[in-house]
Amino acid sequence: MHEAESKGNEYLARWAACRGALFACRLVLAHNRVLYPFHKWMLAATERLTDRPSEMMTALDELVRDASPAAVDRLVEMVLGYRDWAAPAGGRGPAFMRDTEQLWLRGEPAIEDI
């Protein structure tokens, strides 16, 4: 999201907003042991959870509507502060690069397709 803002790239901002929403929901769904119901039902399934950050649905709506660094930061802080998530070895930044931007080097499917 911050890269999109620095480049003034609206397409990248919208793409990042939707992926931010996707992965925030998938984390919380997985924590609740609820299968990811694909995009069509993801928000409804997340909203039905009783064990999720209390303002998560509002933050998701804000992120998708505004696609701003402030909105993504709010959602990320909310989800990361919701419980003690194990951090990937080497940190979240390198894990993001490995899991999204470098998959083609290994011929692996996109993380959102798993």
Protein backbone atom coordinates (compact mmCIF):
# COMPACT_ATOMS: atom_id res chain seq x y z
CA MET A 1 0.00 0.00 0.00
CA HIS A 2 2.80 2.38 0.86
CA GLU A 3 4.51 1.60 -2.45
CA ALA A 4 1.28 2.41 -4.28
CA GLU A 5 1.00 5.74 -2.50
CA SER A 6 4.61 6.68 -3.21
CA LYS A 7 4.10 5.96 -6.92
CA GLY A 8 0.58 7.44 -7.13
CA ASN A 9 -0.58 4.08 -8.50
CA GLU A 10 -4.34 3.68 -7.93
CA TYR A 11 -4.41 0.18 -9.44
CA LEU A 12 -1.72 -1.05 -7.03
CA ALA A 13 -3.50 0.61 -4.09
CA ARG A 14 -6.79 -1.17 -4.86
CA TRP A 15 -4.99 -4.48 -5.43
CA ALA A 16 -3.13 -4.13 -2.11
CA ALA A 17 -6.33 -3.18 -0.28
CA CYS A 18 -8.16 -6.27 -1.49
CA ARG A 19 -5.23 -8.54 -0.68
CA GLY A 20 -4.88 -6.95 2.75
CA ALA A 21 -8.55 -7.67 3.41
CA LEU A 22 -8.16 -11.22 2.06
CA PHE A 23 -5.23 -12.14 4.26
CA ALA A 24 -6.61 -10.45 7.38
CA CYS A 25 -9.80 -12.48 7.00
CA ARG A 26 -7.94 -15.70 6.23
CA LEU A 27 -5.79 -15.34 9.33
CA VAL A 28 -8.78 -14.84 11.59
CA LEU A 29 -10.80 -17.56 9.86
CA ALA A 30 -7.90 -20.02 10.24
CA HIS A 31 -7.49 -19.07 13.90
CA ASN A 32 -11.18 -19.90 14.38
CA ARG A 33 -10.78 -23.14 12.40
CA VAL A 34 -13.27 -21.98 9.79
CA LEU A 35 -12.51 -22.96 6.22
CA TYR A 36 -11.97 -20.09 3.80
CA PRO A 37 -15.23 -19.94 1.80
CA PHE A 38 -13.63 -18.11 -1.17
CA HIS A 39 -14.19 -14.46 -2.00
CA LYS A 40 -17.96 -14.48 -2.40
CA TRP A 41 -18.63 -15.53 1.21
CA MET A 42 -15.41 -14.47 2.96
CA LEU A 43 -16.73 -11.29 4.56
CA ALA A 44 -19.97 -12.94 5.69
CA ALA A 45 -18.05 -15.85 7.23
CA THR A 46 -15.68 -13.45 8.97
CA GLU A 47 -18.56 -11.35 10.27
CA ARG A 48 -20.20 -14.44 11.83
CA LEU A 49 -17.10 -15.18 13.92
CA THR A 50 -17.39 -14.41 17.61
CA ASP A 51 -13.61 -14.57 18.11
CA ARG A 52 -12.28 -11.72 15.98
CA PRO A 53 -11.18 -8.13 16.59
CA SER A 54 -14.31 -6.19 17.52
CA GLU A 55 -13.83 -3.45 14.91
CA MET A 56 -12.53 -5.74 12.17
CA MET A 57 -15.53 -5.46 9.85
CA THR A 58 -15.44 -1.66 10.01
CA ALA A 59 -11.70 -1.67 9.33
CA LEU A 60 -12.14 -4.04 6.37
CA ASP A 61 -14.83 -1.82 4.88
CA GLU A 62 -12.67 1.27 5.36
CA LEU A 63 -9.67 -0.40 3.73
CA VAL A 64 -11.53 -1.60 0.65
CA ARG A 65 -13.37 1.73 0.28
CA ASP A 66 -10.41 4.05 0.90
CA ALA A 67 -7.39 1.95 -0.18
CA SER A 68 -5.10 4.15 1.89
CA PRO A 69 -1.94 3.48 3.92
CA ALA A 70 -3.75 4.64 7.07
CA ALA A 71 -6.56 2.13 6.49
CA VAL A 72 -4.21 -0.79 5.85
CA ASP A 73 -2.05 0.13 8.84
CA ARG A 74 -5.15 0.21 11.06
CA LEU A 75 -6.27 -3.25 9.92
CA VAL A 76 -2.77 -4.76 10.16
CA GLU A 77 -2.23 -3.38 13.66
CA MET A 78 -5.67 -4.61 14.70
CA VAL A 79 -5.13 -8.15 13.41
CA LEU A 80 -1.52 -8.44 14.60
CA GLY A 81 -2.52 -7.12 18.03
CA TYR A 82 -5.51 -9.46 18.26
CA ARG A 83 -3.37 -12.41 19.37
CA ASP A 84 0.23 -13.52 19.57
CA TRP A 85 0.85 -14.64 15.99
CA ALA A 86 4.11 -16.46 15.38
CA ALA A 87 6.40 -14.29 13.28
CA PRO A 88 8.01 -15.99 10.28
CA ALA A 89 11.74 -16.67 10.42
CA GLY A 90 13.58 -13.63 9.09
CA GLY A 91 10.61 -11.31 9.64
CA ARG A 92 7.37 -10.44 7.89
CA GLY A 93 8.91 -8.33 5.11
CA PRO A 94 11.14 -11.08 3.71
CA ALA A 95 8.33 -13.62 4.15
CA PHE A 96 6.00 -11.38 2.14
CA MET A 97 8.56 -11.11 -0.67
CA ARG A 98 9.14 -14.87 -0.65
CA ASP A 99 5.41 -15.70 -0.55
CA THR A 100 4.23 -13.20 -3.15
CA GLU A 101 6.85 -11.62 -5.37
CA GLN A 102 9.31 -14.50 -5.72
CA LEU A 103 6.98 -17.49 -6.21
CA TRP A 104 7.64 -17.58 -9.92
CA LEU A 105 11.30 -18.38 -9.18
CA ARG A 106 10.26 -21.64 -7.50
CA GLY A 107 7.27 -22.46 -9.75
CA GLU A 108 4.92 -22.46 -6.75
CA PRO A 109 1.25 -21.40 -6.68
CA ALA A 110 0.29 -18.03 -5.26
CA ILE A 111 -0.28 -18.12 -1.51
CA GLU A 112 -3.91 -17.03 -1.98
CA ASP A 113 -4.48 -20.13 -4.14
CA ILE A 114 -3.43 -22.52 -1.38
